[in-house]
Amino acid sequence: LAASWRRHASAAASSSTPRTLLLLVPVLILLVFVLSRAPDLTFSPATAASPRLPARLRPFDCYASPQASPVLASLVEGVPRPFLYSLADLGPLPDRPHRNIARLLKGKRFRKPDISQTIQELLAGEVGRGSGGGVVVDVGANVGMAAFAAAVMGFRVVAFEPVFENLQRICDGVYLNRVIGRLDNSAISATGAKLAFKSNEEVAVEVATIPLDEVIPDAERVVLIKIDVQGWESHVLRGASKLLSRRRGEAPYLIYEEDERLLQASNSSAQEMRAFLGSVGYNQCTRHGTDAHCTKE
């Protein structure tokens, strides 16, 4: 954070940095107080009740990972089951901080992510049968806005995220939400995915891959799969063909991003994905913004 401020010091007014520091001090003190009162977090190994992960899927160890700094986290507003998540993008400090930092300084909760509300509404209804039973799979978890929305409702979550900085923020969320479990780092393309960072520069990143069919046991009840992997959704879906071929009533509710521009960049298309989903029985798909929601009716 100090380095970030130093980079922007020459462009900022001389009085802006002290003023911003003064505003952030109470927030940082509050976070230190909250963390000091939080219980110890233990990452438990896989049990008979949770998916047994293949040996080649290397778990991400939060304790071995450098701690993200600073940690700016808050409850999310406007969802039935509030949860905390940690910001990965703080914005260009000190002049234009992320809008959620501005909300935090005003005593407001973080703005509600649309996906968080969607996940909780679905799981509270017929999709989750309101039971808190079964598994939610989150492929492209980002900082956990979908994963934690499900976890605080009592659902077990298997989350995949290839970006190290986002995994650090998921570690923050695991701690702050008192969620006990393990994190597993994987992704969806052996040839690499293009990630856009703050500079808008696309960087090719090669990551390990594993089909979902090798992760989720046949007997495991999966109630929902959410996929947001910047155009590589088709590859994820094909790696879950056995899981998606489950009969009606046992097949998971499916949410995936359907952005034609991103799909074409990864040599696929919305039409191709719809055709594949139809071949495994998903005959009802509707658009919600840039997302597609699919079921077996």
Protein backbone atom coordinates (compact mmCIF):
# COMPACT_ATOMS: atom_id res chain seq x y z
CA LEU A 1 0.00 0.00 0.00
CA ALA A 2 2.84 2.36 0.88
CA ALA A 3 4.52 1.59 -2.44
CA SER A 4 1.27 2.29 -4.25
CA TRP A 5 0.96 5.65 -2.53
CA ARG A 6 4.56 6.50 -3.38
CA ARG A 7 3.89 5.81 -7.05
CA HIS A 8 1.00 8.23 -7.06
CA ALA A 9 2.55 10.86 -4.82
CA SER A 10 3.87 13.00 -7.63
CA ALA A 11 0.43 13.31 -9.22
CA ALA A 12 -1.49 13.84 -6.00
CA ALA A 13 -2.03 17.09 -4.17
CA SER A 14 0.25 17.46 -1.15
CA SER A 15 -2.67 17.34 1.28
CA SER A 16 -4.46 14.30 -0.23
CA THR A 17 -2.24 11.55 1.16
CA PRO A 18 -2.45 12.62 4.83
CA ARG A 19 -6.21 13.09 4.52
CA THR A 20 -6.67 9.64 2.98
CA LEU A 21 -4.41 8.11 5.60
CA LEU A 22 -6.42 9.77 8.34
CA LEU A 23 -9.64 8.31 6.91
CA LEU A 24 -8.19 4.81 6.58
CA VAL A 25 -6.74 4.62 10.10
CA PRO A 26 -10.10 3.88 11.85
CA VAL A 27 -10.88 1.18 9.27
CA LEU A 28 -7.52 -0.52 9.74
CA ILE A 29 -7.86 -0.37 13.53
CA LEU A 30 -11.32 -1.97 13.27
CA LEU A 31 -9.97 -4.75 11.06
CA VAL A 32 -7.12 -5.45 13.48
CA PHE A 33 -9.67 -5.67 16.31
CA VAL A 34 -11.88 -8.08 14.36
CA LEU A 35 -8.97 -10.31 13.38
CA SER A 36 -7.63 -10.35 16.93
CA ARG A 37 -10.93 -11.75 18.17
CA ALA A 38 -11.38 -14.34 15.40
CA PRO A 39 -10.86 -18.00 16.30
CA ASP A 40 -7.98 -20.05 14.94
CA LEU A 41 -8.61 -21.40 11.47
CA THR A 42 -7.86 -25.01 10.68
CA PHE A 43 -7.85 -26.38 7.16
CA SER A 44 -9.24 -29.88 7.40
CA PRO A 45 -8.29 -32.72 5.07
CA ALA A 46 -10.87 -34.23 2.77
CA THR A 47 -13.36 -36.42 4.58
CA ALA A 48 -15.73 -39.14 3.46
CA ALA A 49 -18.47 -36.52 3.31
CA SER A 50 -16.58 -34.22 0.94
CA PRO A 51 -15.20 -34.73 -2.57
CA ARG A 52 -11.94 -36.70 -2.48
CA LEU A 53 -9.59 -34.77 -4.70
CA PRO A 54 -7.10 -36.49 -7.02
CA ALA A 55 -3.50 -36.55 -5.86
CA ARG A 56 -2.36 -34.51 -8.86
CA LEU A 57 -4.60 -31.61 -7.85
CA ARG A 58 -2.23 -29.71 -5.59
CA PRO A 59 -4.03 -27.96 -2.70
CA PHE A 60 -3.44 -24.27 -2.12
CA ASP A 61 -2.05 -23.75 1.38
CA CYS A 62 -3.25 -20.49 2.91
CA TYR A 63 -0.77 -20.75 5.77
CA ALA A 64 2.19 -21.21 3.42
CA SER A 65 1.05 -18.33 1.21
CA PRO A 66 2.21 -14.77 1.92
CA GLN A 67 -0.59 -12.80 3.56
CA ALA A 68 -2.33 -10.31 1.31
CA SER A 69 -1.80 -6.75 2.52
CA PRO A 70 -3.68 -4.66 3.37
CA VAL A 71 -6.88 -6.57 4.11
CA LEU A 72 -9.97 -4.47 3.46
CA ALA A 73 -13.10 -6.55 3.97
CA SER A 74 -16.72 -5.96 4.88
CA LEU A 75 -20.14 -7.57 4.92
CA VAL A 76 -22.15 -7.53 1.70
CA GLU A 77 -25.39 -5.54 1.71
CA GLY A 78 -28.78 -6.71 0.56
CA VAL A 79 -28.40 -10.51 0.60
CA PRO A 80 -30.44 -12.86 2.83
CA ARG A 81 -27.30 -14.45 4.33
CA PRO A 82 -24.61 -11.76 4.68
CA PHE A 83 -20.96 -12.73 4.31
CA LEU A 84 -17.61 -10.97 4.15
CA TYR A 85 -15.22 -10.78 1.27
CA SER A 86 -11.84 -9.12 0.85
CA LEU A 87 -11.08 -6.60 -1.89
CA ALA A 88 -8.38 -7.57 -4.40
CA ASP A 89 -8.59 -4.34 -6.41
CA LEU A 90 -8.16 -1.30 -4.16
CA GLY A 91 -8.19 1.16 -7.04
CA PRO A 92 -5.53 3.82 -7.75
CA LEU A 93 -4.78 5.06 -4.23
CA PRO A 94 -4.92 7.63 -2.78
CA ASP A 95 -6.91 9.67 -5.30
CA ARG A 96 -9.50 7.23 -6.64
CA PRO A 97 -9.98 4.32 -4.25
CA HIS A 98 -12.31 1.46 -5.11
CA ARG A 99 -15.95 2.47 -4.55
CA ASN A 100 -16.31 -0.12 -1.79
CA ILE A 101 -13.50 1.57 0.15
CA ALA A 102 -15.48 4.81 -0.07
CA ARG A 103 -18.56 2.95 1.20
CA LEU A 104 -16.52 1.44 4.05
CA LEU A 105 -15.36 4.89 5.15
CA LYS A 106 -19.00 6.03 5.23
CA GLY A 107 -19.98 3.11 7.45
CA LYS A 108 -21.76 1.26 4.65
CA ARG A 109 -21.46 -2.38 3.65
CA PHE A 110 -19.93 -3.47 0.35
CA ARG A 111 -22.23 -3.19 -2.64
CA LYS A 112 -24.08 -6.41 -3.37
CA PRO A 113 -22.58 -8.46 -6.24
CA ASP A 114 -25.36 -9.68 -8.55
CA ILE A 115 -23.97 -13.24 -8.57
CA SER A 116 -24.14 -13.40 -4.76
CA GLN A 117 -27.85 -12.60 -4.72
CA THR A 118 -28.52 -15.02 -7.59
CA ILE A 119 -26.73 -17.89 -5.86
CA GLN A 120 -28.54 -17.39 -2.56
CA GLU A 121 -31.96 -17.05 -4.16
CA LEU A 122 -31.47 -20.25 -6.16
CA LEU A 123 -30.13 -22.25 -3.23
CA ALA A 124 -32.93 -21.06 -0.95
CA GLY A 125 -35.47 -22.30 -3.48
CA GLU A 126 -35.99 -25.48 -5.45
CA VAL A 127 -32.37 -25.76 -6.63
CA GLY A 128 -31.03 -26.23 -3.11
CA ARG A 129 -34.32 -27.46 -1.71
CA GLY A 130 -33.52 -25.17 1.21
CA SER A 131 -31.64 -28.02 2.85
CA GLY A 132 -28.06 -26.81 2.84
CA GLY A 133 -27.12 -30.25 1.52
CA GLY A 134 -24.98 -31.06 -1.48
CA VAL A 135 -22.08 -29.41 -3.24
CA VAL A 136 -21.78 -26.13 -5.13
CA VAL A 137 -18.99 -26.01 -7.73
CA ASP A 138 -17.49 -22.58 -8.49
CA VAL A 139 -15.13 -22.56 -11.48
CA GLY A 140 -13.47 -19.16 -11.76
CA ALA A 141 -14.13 -18.17 -8.16
CA ASN A 142 -12.41 -14.76 -8.28
CA VAL A 143 -12.40 -13.56 -4.63
CA GLY A 144 -15.29 -15.82 -3.58
CA MET A 145 -18.43 -13.75 -4.10
CA ALA A 146 -20.35 -16.82 -5.26
CA ALA A 147 -18.47 -19.40 -3.19
CA PHE A 148 -19.01 -17.64 0.14
CA ALA A 149 -22.62 -16.83 -0.71
CA ALA A 150 -23.20 -20.61 -0.87
CA ALA A 151 -20.89 -21.55 2.02
CA VAL A 152 -22.65 -19.35 4.57
CA MET A 153 -25.91 -21.15 3.70
CA GLY A 154 -24.39 -24.47 4.74
CA PHE A 155 -23.49 -25.83 1.31
CA ARG A 156 -20.10 -27.37 0.70
CA VAL A 157 -18.18 -25.58 -2.05
CA VAL A 158 -15.50 -26.82 -4.43
CA ALA A 159 -13.88 -23.68 -5.88
CA PHE A 160 -11.26 -23.26 -8.60
CA GLU A 161 -9.26 -20.08 -9.17
CA PRO A 162 -5.94 -19.74 -11.09
CA VAL A 163 -4.97 -16.17 -10.06
CA PHE A 164 -2.70 -16.12 -7.01
CA GLU A 165 -3.84 -12.71 -5.74
CA ASN A 166 -7.47 -13.84 -5.82
CA LEU A 167 -6.58 -17.01 -3.90
CA GLN A 168 -5.05 -14.84 -1.20
CA ARG A 169 -8.35 -12.96 -0.88
CA ILE A 170 -10.25 -16.25 -0.73
CA CYS A 171 -7.97 -17.18 2.18
CA ASP A 172 -9.04 -13.91 3.85
CA GLY A 173 -12.68 -14.84 3.29
CA VAL A 174 -12.25 -18.35 4.66
CA TYR A 175 -10.86 -16.83 7.85
CA LEU A 176 -13.33 -13.96 8.19
CA ASN A 177 -16.40 -16.09 7.47
CA ARG A 178 -15.24 -18.89 9.82
CA VAL A 179 -15.50 -21.33 6.91
CA ILE A 180 -13.35 -24.39 7.53
CA GLY A 181 -12.07 -26.32 4.55
CA ARG A 182 -9.34 -26.60 1.96
CA LEU A 183 -8.59 -24.57 -1.13
CA ASP A 184 -7.56 -26.20 -4.38
CA ASN A 185 -5.86 -24.33 -7.18
CA SER A 186 -6.64 -25.41 -10.72
CA ALA A 187 -7.88 -23.95 -13.98
CA ILE A 188 -9.23 -24.85 -17.35
CA SER A 189 -6.72 -24.62 -20.19
CA ALA A 190 -3.44 -26.44 -20.58
CA THR A 191 -2.45 -24.02 -23.33
CA GLY A 192 -3.03 -21.02 -21.11
CA ALA A 193 -5.63 -18.35 -20.53
CA LYS A 194 -5.33 -14.63 -21.15
CA LEU A 195 -5.86 -12.54 -18.05
CA ALA A 196 -6.45 -8.79 -18.20
CA PHE A 197 -4.88 -6.83 -15.34
CA LYS A 198 -5.29 -3.21 -14.26
CA SER A 199 -3.08 -2.01 -17.11
CA ASN A 200 -5.53 -3.72 -19.54
CA GLU A 201 -2.56 -5.71 -20.83
CA GLU A 202 -3.41 -9.32 -21.65
CA VAL A 203 -0.96 -11.78 -20.14
CA ALA A 204 -0.88 -15.46 -21.14
CA VAL A 205 -0.76 -17.69 -18.06
CA GLU A 206 -0.27 -21.45 -18.28
CA VAL A 207 -2.09 -23.34 -15.56
CA ALA A 208 -2.72 -26.93 -14.51
CA THR A 209 -5.98 -28.52 -15.64
CA ILE A 210 -8.25 -31.29 -14.50
CA PRO A 211 -11.74 -32.30 -15.72
CA LEU A 212 -14.53 -31.83 -13.21
CA ASP A 213 -15.51 -35.45 -13.84
CA GLU A 214 -12.24 -36.47 -12.15
CA VAL A 215 -12.92 -34.27 -9.13
CA ILE A 216 -16.57 -34.97 -8.31
CA PRO A 217 -17.43 -38.58 -7.33
CA ASP A 218 -20.42 -40.19 -9.01
CA ALA A 219 -22.27 -40.45 -5.70
CA GLU A 220 -21.75 -36.79 -4.76
CA ARG A 221 -24.88 -34.65 -4.95
CA VAL A 222 -24.06 -31.45 -6.86
CA VAL A 223 -26.83 -28.86 -6.75
CA LEU A 224 -25.27 -26.00 -8.72
CA ILE A 225 -22.31 -25.29 -10.98
CA LYS A 226 -21.24 -21.73 -11.71
CA ILE A 227 -18.59 -21.13 -14.42
CA ASP A 228 -16.95 -17.81 -15.24
CA VAL A 229 -13.59 -18.37 -16.93
CA GLN A 230 -13.26 -15.58 -19.49
CA GLY A 231 -14.28 -17.50 -22.59
CA TRP A 232 -13.07 -20.99 -21.70
CA GLU A 233 -16.49 -22.15 -20.49
CA SER A 234 -16.86 -24.70 -23.30
CA HIS A 235 -13.73 -26.52 -22.14
CA VAL A 236 -15.01 -26.70 -18.57
CA LEU A 237 -18.40 -28.02 -19.70
CA ARG A 238 -16.85 -30.77 -21.81
CA GLY A 239 -14.71 -31.81 -18.87
CA ALA A 240 -17.91 -32.28 -16.87
CA SER A 241 -19.87 -34.30 -19.45
CA LYS A 242 -20.47 -37.21 -17.08
CA LEU A 243 -21.60 -34.93 -14.28
CA LEU A 244 -23.89 -33.00 -16.62
CA SER A 245 -25.34 -36.24 -18.02
CA ARG A 246 -27.03 -37.08 -14.73
CA ARG A 247 -30.76 -37.61 -15.05
CA ARG A 248 -33.33 -34.92 -14.41
CA GLY A 249 -33.71 -34.25 -10.71
CA GLU A 250 -30.08 -35.18 -10.06
CA ALA A 251 -28.34 -32.95 -12.63
CA PRO A 252 -27.03 -29.64 -11.23
CA TYR A 253 -28.45 -26.22 -12.03
CA LEU A 254 -25.95 -24.58 -14.38
CA ILE A 255 -24.83 -20.94 -14.59
CA TYR A 256 -22.09 -19.96 -17.03
CA GLU A 257 -20.88 -16.78 -18.68
CA GLU A 258 -21.90 -16.61 -22.34
CA ASP A 259 -19.87 -13.76 -23.80
CA GLU A 260 -19.56 -14.35 -27.55
CA ARG A 261 -16.44 -12.20 -27.95
CA LEU A 262 -14.57 -14.11 -25.24
CA LEU A 263 -15.85 -17.45 -26.50
CA GLN A 264 -14.63 -16.79 -30.04
CA ALA A 265 -11.19 -15.88 -28.67
CA SER A 266 -10.99 -19.41 -27.22
CA ASN A 267 -12.22 -21.06 -30.44
CA SER A 268 -15.75 -21.78 -29.25
CA SER A 269 -19.17 -20.16 -29.50
CA ALA A 270 -22.47 -19.87 -27.67
CA GLN A 271 -24.13 -22.00 -30.35
CA GLU A 272 -21.55 -24.75 -29.88
CA MET A 273 -22.07 -24.76 -26.12
CA ARG A 274 -25.86 -24.84 -26.42
CA ALA A 275 -25.57 -27.80 -28.82
CA PHE A 276 -23.33 -29.67 -26.38
CA LEU A 277 -25.64 -28.96 -23.45
CA GLY A 278 -28.60 -30.17 -25.48
CA SER A 279 -26.75 -33.44 -26.14
CA VAL A 280 -26.53 -34.12 -22.38
CA GLY A 281 -30.14 -33.14 -21.71
CA TYR A 282 -30.01 -29.44 -20.81
CA ASN A 283 -32.93 -28.33 -22.96
CA GLN A 284 -33.90 -25.15 -21.11
CA CYS A 285 -31.42 -22.25 -21.17
CA THR A 286 -32.24 -18.58 -20.58
CA ARG A 287 -30.08 -15.47 -20.66
CA HIS A 288 -29.61 -13.29 -17.57
CA GLY A 289 -27.38 -10.43 -18.66
CA THR A 290 -24.18 -12.06 -19.92
CA ASP A 291 -24.91 -15.30 -18.04
CA ALA A 292 -26.84 -18.34 -19.21
CA HIS A 293 -28.94 -20.38 -16.74
CA CYS A 294 -29.61 -23.95 -17.84
CA THR A 295 -31.74 -26.78 -16.44
CA LYS A 296 -33.27 -30.08 -17.50
CA GLU A 297 -37.03 -29.47 -17.77
